[in-house]
Amino acid sequence: MRIAFTSSDGVTVDQHFGQTRDFRIWEVGVDSAVEVDKVSALPVSEDEEDRIAARASAVAGCAIVYTVAIGGPPAAKLVARKIHPMKTGTEVPIADLISKLQEVLRGTPPPWLRKAMNGGAAAAPADE
């Protein structure tokens, strides 16, 4: 599944969703993770609504966006596109976040994450 990170250096989640210059896009599975893209998030408009929509479009196709912080309207735009915003609250290495996510994927992930893992199709837990 595709995961976006707000990062200035490609190593650490260290940016606010509304202020990041780039999204680092990773393909993350249970046992693998690889950076697949770097998407520009530079504003193309002075209008706040247009900037939020452009950022949400930049991460289209991702299941999760990890960011230090995100406001209510941008978070709502992501959720409407079935992208789950995850706030770290502080700078965190991308590798640590991927490792923790993979632990969850190996266990019993919540229903929304199981659905994301299956490309949007609902799936029952392995033990059902």
N, C-alpha and C. Protein backbone atom coordinates (compact mmCIF):
# COMPACT_ATOMS: atom_id res chain seq x y z
N MET A 1 0.84 -1.17 0.00
CA MET A 1 0.00 0.00 0.00
C MET A 1 0.89 1.23 0.00
N ARG A 2 0.37 2.30 -0.58
CA ARG A 2 1.15 3.54 -0.69
C ARG A 2 0.93 4.40 0.55
N ILE A 3 2.05 4.92 1.07
CA ILE A 3 2.04 5.76 2.26
C ILE A 3 2.80 7.04 1.93
N ALA A 4 2.25 8.20 2.32
CA ALA A 4 2.92 9.49 2.11
C ALA A 4 3.47 10.01 3.44
N PHE A 5 4.61 10.66 3.37
CA PHE A 5 5.25 11.26 4.53
C PHE A 5 5.58 12.71 4.22
N THR A 6 5.32 13.63 5.15
CA THR A 6 5.71 15.03 4.97
C THR A 6 7.13 15.16 5.51
N SER A 7 8.07 15.31 4.60
CA SER A 7 9.48 15.28 4.98
C SER A 7 10.30 16.26 4.14
N SER A 8 11.17 16.99 4.82
CA SER A 8 12.06 17.92 4.09
C SER A 8 13.32 17.23 3.60
N ASP A 9 13.65 16.07 4.21
CA ASP A 9 14.92 15.41 3.89
C ASP A 9 14.78 13.96 3.42
N GLY A 10 13.57 13.43 3.40
CA GLY A 10 13.36 12.05 2.98
C GLY A 10 13.70 11.03 4.05
N VAL A 11 14.09 11.50 5.23
CA VAL A 11 14.50 10.60 6.31
C VAL A 11 13.57 10.73 7.52
N THR A 12 13.08 11.95 7.74
CA THR A 12 12.30 12.25 8.94
C THR A 12 10.99 12.92 8.58
N VAL A 13 9.91 12.53 9.26
CA VAL A 13 8.66 13.28 9.15
C VAL A 13 8.88 14.51 10.02
N ASP A 14 8.99 15.67 9.36
CA ASP A 14 9.35 16.90 10.08
C ASP A 14 8.59 18.12 9.58
N GLN A 15 7.49 17.90 8.87
CA GLN A 15 6.75 19.00 8.28
C GLN A 15 5.26 18.94 8.64
N HIS A 16 4.64 20.11 8.71
CA HIS A 16 3.19 20.25 8.85
C HIS A 16 2.60 19.98 7.47
N PHE A 17 1.45 19.34 7.42
CA PHE A 17 0.81 19.00 6.15
C PHE A 17 0.66 20.24 5.25
N GLY A 18 0.24 21.35 5.83
CA GLY A 18 -0.02 22.56 5.05
C GLY A 18 1.22 23.33 4.67
N GLN A 19 2.39 22.93 5.18
CA GLN A 19 3.61 23.68 4.89
C GLN A 19 4.71 22.86 4.23
N THR A 20 4.47 21.57 4.05
CA THR A 20 5.51 20.74 3.45
C THR A 20 5.73 21.12 1.99
N ARG A 21 6.97 21.02 1.54
CA ARG A 21 7.30 21.29 0.14
C ARG A 21 7.17 20.01 -0.70
N ASP A 22 7.35 18.85 -0.05
CA ASP A 22 7.32 17.57 -0.75
C ASP A 22 6.64 16.50 0.09
N PHE A 23 6.03 15.56 -0.61
CA PHE A 23 5.56 14.33 0.02
C PHE A 23 6.48 13.22 -0.47
N ARG A 24 6.98 12.41 0.43
CA ARG A 24 7.75 11.22 0.06
C ARG A 24 6.77 10.06 0.06
N ILE A 25 6.66 9.37 -1.06
CA ILE A 25 5.71 8.29 -1.22
C ILE A 25 6.45 6.96 -1.16
N TRP A 26 5.98 6.08 -0.28
CA TRP A 26 6.57 4.76 -0.09
C TRP A 26 5.53 3.69 -0.39
N GLU A 27 5.98 2.58 -0.91
CA GLU A 27 5.16 1.38 -1.06
C GLU A 27 5.55 0.49 0.12
N VAL A 28 4.58 0.24 1.01
CA VAL A 28 4.87 -0.50 2.24
C VAL A 28 4.02 -1.76 2.29
N GLY A 29 4.68 -2.89 2.53
CA GLY A 29 4.00 -4.16 2.72
C GLY A 29 4.42 -4.75 4.05
N VAL A 30 3.94 -5.92 4.35
CA VAL A 30 4.24 -6.57 5.62
C VAL A 30 5.75 -6.75 5.81
N ASP A 31 6.44 -7.13 4.77
CA ASP A 31 7.87 -7.43 4.88
C ASP A 31 8.77 -6.57 4.00
N SER A 32 8.21 -5.56 3.35
CA SER A 32 9.04 -4.73 2.49
C SER A 32 8.58 -3.28 2.54
N ALA A 33 9.51 -2.40 2.22
CA ALA A 33 9.19 -0.97 2.13
C ALA A 33 10.21 -0.31 1.22
N VAL A 34 9.72 0.46 0.25
CA VAL A 34 10.62 1.13 -0.67
C VAL A 34 10.03 2.48 -1.05
N GLU A 35 10.90 3.50 -1.08
CA GLU A 35 10.45 4.81 -1.53
C GLU A 35 10.26 4.75 -3.04
N VAL A 36 9.08 5.18 -3.51
CA VAL A 36 8.77 5.07 -4.93
C VAL A 36 8.60 6.42 -5.63
N ASP A 37 8.43 7.50 -4.86
CA ASP A 37 8.19 8.78 -5.52
C ASP A 37 8.41 9.93 -4.55
N LYS A 38 8.63 11.09 -5.12
CA LYS A 38 8.70 12.35 -4.38
C LYS A 38 7.77 13.30 -5.12
N VAL A 39 6.72 13.76 -4.45
CA VAL A 39 5.71 14.58 -5.08
C VAL A 39 5.79 15.99 -4.52
N SER A 40 5.88 16.97 -5.39
CA SER A 40 5.93 18.36 -4.99
C SER A 40 4.59 18.81 -4.42
N ALA A 41 4.67 19.60 -3.37
CA ALA A 41 3.46 20.15 -2.75
C ALA A 41 3.52 21.66 -2.72
N LEU A 42 4.28 22.25 -3.63
CA LEU A 42 4.40 23.70 -3.65
C LEU A 42 3.06 24.32 -4.02
N PRO A 43 2.68 25.38 -3.30
CA PRO A 43 1.38 26.00 -3.57
C PRO A 43 1.33 26.62 -4.97
N VAL A 44 0.20 26.45 -5.62
CA VAL A 44 -0.01 27.02 -6.94
C VAL A 44 -1.07 28.11 -6.89
N SER A 45 -1.59 28.36 -5.71
CA SER A 45 -2.65 29.34 -5.54
C SER A 45 -2.53 29.99 -4.17
N GLU A 46 -3.03 31.20 -4.07
CA GLU A 46 -3.07 31.88 -2.77
C GLU A 46 -4.30 31.47 -1.99
N ASP A 47 -5.30 30.89 -2.66
CA ASP A 47 -6.54 30.49 -2.02
C ASP A 47 -6.32 29.25 -1.15
N GLU A 48 -6.66 29.35 0.11
CA GLU A 48 -6.45 28.24 1.06
C GLU A 48 -7.16 26.96 0.62
N GLU A 49 -8.38 27.08 0.17
CA GLU A 49 -9.15 25.91 -0.27
C GLU A 49 -8.47 25.22 -1.46
N ASP A 50 -7.97 26.01 -2.40
CA ASP A 50 -7.26 25.46 -3.56
C ASP A 50 -5.98 24.75 -3.13
N ARG A 51 -5.25 25.32 -2.17
CA ARG A 51 -4.00 24.71 -1.69
C ARG A 51 -4.28 23.38 -1.00
N ILE A 52 -5.34 23.33 -0.20
CA ILE A 52 -5.70 22.09 0.49
C ILE A 52 -6.07 21.02 -0.54
N ALA A 53 -6.89 21.40 -1.53
CA ALA A 53 -7.31 20.44 -2.55
C ALA A 53 -6.11 19.94 -3.35
N ALA A 54 -5.16 20.82 -3.65
CA ALA A 54 -3.98 20.42 -4.41
C ALA A 54 -3.12 19.44 -3.61
N ARG A 55 -2.98 19.68 -2.31
CA ARG A 55 -2.19 18.76 -1.47
C ARG A 55 -2.89 17.40 -1.36
N ALA A 56 -4.20 17.42 -1.22
CA ALA A 56 -4.95 16.17 -1.15
C ALA A 56 -4.81 15.40 -2.47
N SER A 57 -4.83 16.11 -3.59
CA SER A 57 -4.66 15.46 -4.90
C SER A 57 -3.25 14.89 -5.05
N ALA A 58 -2.26 15.57 -4.47
CA ALA A 58 -0.86 15.12 -4.58
C ALA A 58 -0.66 13.75 -3.94
N VAL A 59 -1.45 13.44 -2.91
CA VAL A 59 -1.29 12.16 -2.21
C VAL A 59 -2.41 11.17 -2.56
N ALA A 60 -3.14 11.46 -3.64
CA ALA A 60 -4.19 10.54 -4.09
C ALA A 60 -3.58 9.17 -4.33
N GLY A 61 -4.29 8.15 -3.93
CA GLY A 61 -3.79 6.79 -4.09
C GLY A 61 -3.04 6.28 -2.88
N CYS A 62 -2.76 7.15 -1.94
CA CYS A 62 -2.10 6.73 -0.70
C CYS A 62 -3.17 6.32 0.32
N ALA A 63 -2.84 5.38 1.17
CA ALA A 63 -3.76 4.95 2.22
C ALA A 63 -3.60 5.80 3.48
N ILE A 64 -2.38 6.28 3.72
CA ILE A 64 -2.05 7.01 4.94
C ILE A 64 -1.13 8.17 4.58
N VAL A 65 -1.28 9.28 5.29
CA VAL A 65 -0.32 10.38 5.24
C VAL A 65 0.17 10.61 6.66
N TYR A 66 1.46 10.41 6.86
CA TYR A 66 2.08 10.73 8.15
C TYR A 66 2.59 12.15 8.10
N THR A 67 2.24 12.97 9.11
CA THR A 67 2.63 14.35 9.16
C THR A 67 2.78 14.79 10.61
N VAL A 68 3.59 15.81 10.86
CA VAL A 68 3.75 16.30 12.23
C VAL A 68 2.43 16.86 12.74
N ALA A 69 1.74 17.63 11.90
CA ALA A 69 0.47 18.23 12.29
C ALA A 69 -0.38 18.47 11.04
N ILE A 70 -1.70 18.52 11.25
CA ILE A 70 -2.63 18.79 10.16
C ILE A 70 -3.88 19.42 10.76
N GLY A 71 -4.41 20.43 10.08
CA GLY A 71 -5.62 21.09 10.54
C GLY A 71 -6.86 20.28 10.21
N GLY A 72 -7.98 20.73 10.77
CA GLY A 72 -9.25 20.03 10.56
C GLY A 72 -9.72 19.97 9.12
N PRO A 73 -9.77 21.11 8.40
CA PRO A 73 -10.24 21.06 7.01
C PRO A 73 -9.37 20.17 6.10
N PRO A 74 -8.02 20.26 6.19
CA PRO A 74 -7.22 19.35 5.35
C PRO A 74 -7.42 17.88 5.74
N ALA A 75 -7.54 17.59 7.03
CA ALA A 75 -7.77 16.21 7.46
C ALA A 75 -9.09 15.69 6.90
N ALA A 76 -10.12 16.53 6.93
CA ALA A 76 -11.42 16.13 6.39
C ALA A 76 -11.34 15.85 4.89
N LYS A 77 -10.58 16.67 4.16
CA LYS A 77 -10.40 16.44 2.71
C LYS A 77 -9.73 15.09 2.45
N LEU A 78 -8.73 14.77 3.27
CA LEU A 78 -8.05 13.48 3.10
C LEU A 78 -9.01 12.33 3.39
N VAL A 79 -9.72 12.41 4.50
CA VAL A 79 -10.65 11.34 4.88
C VAL A 79 -11.72 11.15 3.80
N ALA A 80 -12.18 12.25 3.20
CA ALA A 80 -13.18 12.15 2.13
C ALA A 80 -12.63 11.38 0.93
N ARG A 81 -11.30 11.39 0.77
CA ARG A 81 -10.65 10.66 -0.32
C ARG A 81 -10.16 9.28 0.13
N LYS A 82 -10.59 8.87 1.32
CA LYS A 82 -10.21 7.58 1.91
C LYS A 82 -8.71 7.49 2.18
N ILE A 83 -8.13 8.63 2.58
CA ILE A 83 -6.72 8.70 2.98
C ILE A 83 -6.72 9.01 4.47
N HIS A 84 -6.04 8.21 5.25
CA HIS A 84 -6.04 8.35 6.71
C HIS A 84 -4.89 9.25 7.16
N PRO A 85 -5.17 10.44 7.72
CA PRO A 85 -4.09 11.29 8.23
C PRO A 85 -3.61 10.78 9.59
N MET A 86 -2.30 10.70 9.76
CA MET A 86 -1.71 10.25 11.03
C MET A 86 -0.76 11.34 11.51
N LYS A 87 -1.08 11.97 12.64
CA LYS A 87 -0.24 13.03 13.21
C LYS A 87 0.81 12.41 14.13
N THR A 88 2.05 12.80 13.93
CA THR A 88 3.13 12.32 14.80
C THR A 88 3.32 13.26 16.00
N GLY A 89 2.98 14.53 15.85
CA GLY A 89 3.12 15.50 16.93
C GLY A 89 4.54 16.01 17.13
N THR A 90 5.49 15.30 16.60
CA THR A 90 6.90 15.68 16.70
C THR A 90 7.66 15.05 15.54
N GLU A 91 8.91 15.43 15.37
CA GLU A 91 9.72 14.83 14.30
C GLU A 91 9.98 13.36 14.62
N VAL A 92 9.79 12.50 13.63
CA VAL A 92 9.97 11.06 13.80
C VAL A 92 10.63 10.50 12.55
N PRO A 93 11.64 9.63 12.70
CA PRO A 93 12.24 9.00 11.52
C PRO A 93 11.22 8.17 10.75
N ILE A 94 11.23 8.31 9.43
CA ILE A 94 10.33 7.53 8.58
C ILE A 94 10.52 6.04 8.82
N ALA A 95 11.75 5.60 8.98
CA ALA A 95 12.02 4.17 9.20
C ALA A 95 11.30 3.65 10.45
N ASP A 96 11.24 4.47 11.51
CA ASP A 96 10.54 4.05 12.73
C ASP A 96 9.04 3.89 12.48
N LEU A 97 8.46 4.83 11.74
CA LEU A 97 7.03 4.76 11.44
C LEU A 97 6.71 3.55 10.58
N ILE A 98 7.56 3.28 9.59
CA ILE A 98 7.35 2.10 8.74
C ILE A 98 7.45 0.83 9.55
N SER A 99 8.43 0.74 10.42
CA SER A 99 8.60 -0.44 11.26
C SER A 99 7.37 -0.68 12.14
N LYS A 100 6.86 0.38 12.76
CA LYS A 100 5.66 0.25 13.60
C LYS A 100 4.44 -0.14 12.77
N LEU A 101 4.30 0.45 11.58
CA LEU A 101 3.19 0.10 10.71
C LEU A 101 3.26 -1.38 10.31
N GLN A 102 4.46 -1.84 9.98
CA GLN A 102 4.61 -3.25 9.58
C GLN A 102 4.28 -4.20 10.74
N GLU A 103 4.58 -3.81 11.97
CA GLU A 103 4.19 -4.62 13.13
C GLU A 103 2.67 -4.76 13.19
N VAL A 104 1.97 -3.64 12.97
CA VAL A 104 0.50 -3.66 12.98
C VAL A 104 -0.02 -4.53 11.84
N LEU A 105 0.60 -4.42 10.66
CA LEU A 105 0.17 -5.21 9.51
C LEU A 105 0.35 -6.71 9.76
N ARG A 106 1.38 -7.08 10.49
CA ARG A 106 1.64 -8.50 10.80
C ARG A 106 0.65 -9.05 11.81
N GLY A 107 0.08 -8.17 12.62
CA GLY A 107 -0.87 -8.60 13.65
C GLY A 107 -2.29 -8.57 13.11
N THR A 108 -3.17 -7.93 13.86
CA THR A 108 -4.56 -7.79 13.46
C THR A 108 -4.84 -6.32 13.24
N PRO A 109 -4.63 -5.84 12.02
CA PRO A 109 -4.85 -4.42 11.75
C PRO A 109 -6.32 -4.05 11.87
N PRO A 110 -6.60 -2.80 12.19
CA PRO A 110 -8.00 -2.36 12.26
C PRO A 110 -8.67 -2.49 10.90
N PRO A 111 -10.00 -2.54 10.87
CA PRO A 111 -10.71 -2.75 9.60
C PRO A 111 -10.34 -1.77 8.49
N TRP A 112 -10.19 -0.49 8.80
CA TRP A 112 -9.86 0.48 7.75
C TRP A 112 -8.50 0.18 7.13
N LEU A 113 -7.57 -0.34 7.93
CA LEU A 113 -6.24 -0.65 7.43
C LEU A 113 -6.25 -1.95 6.63
N ARG A 114 -7.03 -2.93 7.08
CA ARG A 114 -7.18 -4.17 6.28
C ARG A 114 -7.74 -3.84 4.91
N LYS A 115 -8.73 -2.93 4.87
CA LYS A 115 -9.33 -2.54 3.60
C LYS A 115 -8.30 -1.85 2.71
N ALA A 116 -7.49 -0.97 3.28
CA ALA A 116 -6.44 -0.28 2.52
C ALA A 116 -5.41 -1.27 1.99
N MET A 117 -5.08 -2.27 2.79
CA MET A 117 -4.10 -3.28 2.37
C MET A 117 -4.60 -4.06 1.16
N ASN A 118 -5.91 -4.21 1.06
CA ASN A 118 -6.52 -4.98 -0.02
C ASN A 118 -7.00 -4.11 -1.17
N GLY A 119 -6.41 -2.93 -1.28
CA GLY A 119 -6.74 -2.04 -2.39
C GLY A 119 -8.15 -1.50 -2.34
N GLY A 120 -8.72 -1.37 -1.13
CA GLY A 120 -10.06 -0.80 -0.99
C GLY A 120 -11.14 -1.84 -0.85
N ALA A 121 -10.83 -3.12 -1.09
CA ALA A 121 -11.83 -4.16 -0.92
C ALA A 121 -11.86 -4.63 0.52
N ALA A 122 -13.03 -4.78 1.07
CA ALA A 122 -13.16 -5.24 2.45
C ALA A 122 -12.63 -6.67 2.55
N ALA A 123 -11.98 -6.96 3.66
CA ALA A 123 -11.44 -8.31 3.88
C ALA A 123 -11.65 -8.68 5.32
N ALA A 124 -11.93 -9.93 5.54
CA ALA A 124 -12.10 -10.44 6.91
C ALA A 124 -10.73 -10.73 7.51
N PRO A 125 -10.60 -10.62 8.83
CA PRO A 125 -9.33 -11.00 9.47
C PRO A 125 -9.00 -12.45 9.17
N ALA A 126 -7.74 -12.78 9.25
CA ALA A 126 -7.27 -14.13 8.91
C ALA A 126 -7.87 -15.20 9.80
N ASP A 127 -8.23 -14.86 11.04
CA ASP A 127 -8.72 -15.88 11.96
C ASP A 127 -10.24 -16.04 11.91
N GLU A 128 -10.91 -15.37 10.98
CA GLU A 128 -12.36 -15.53 10.89
C GLU A 128 -12.73 -16.52 9.83
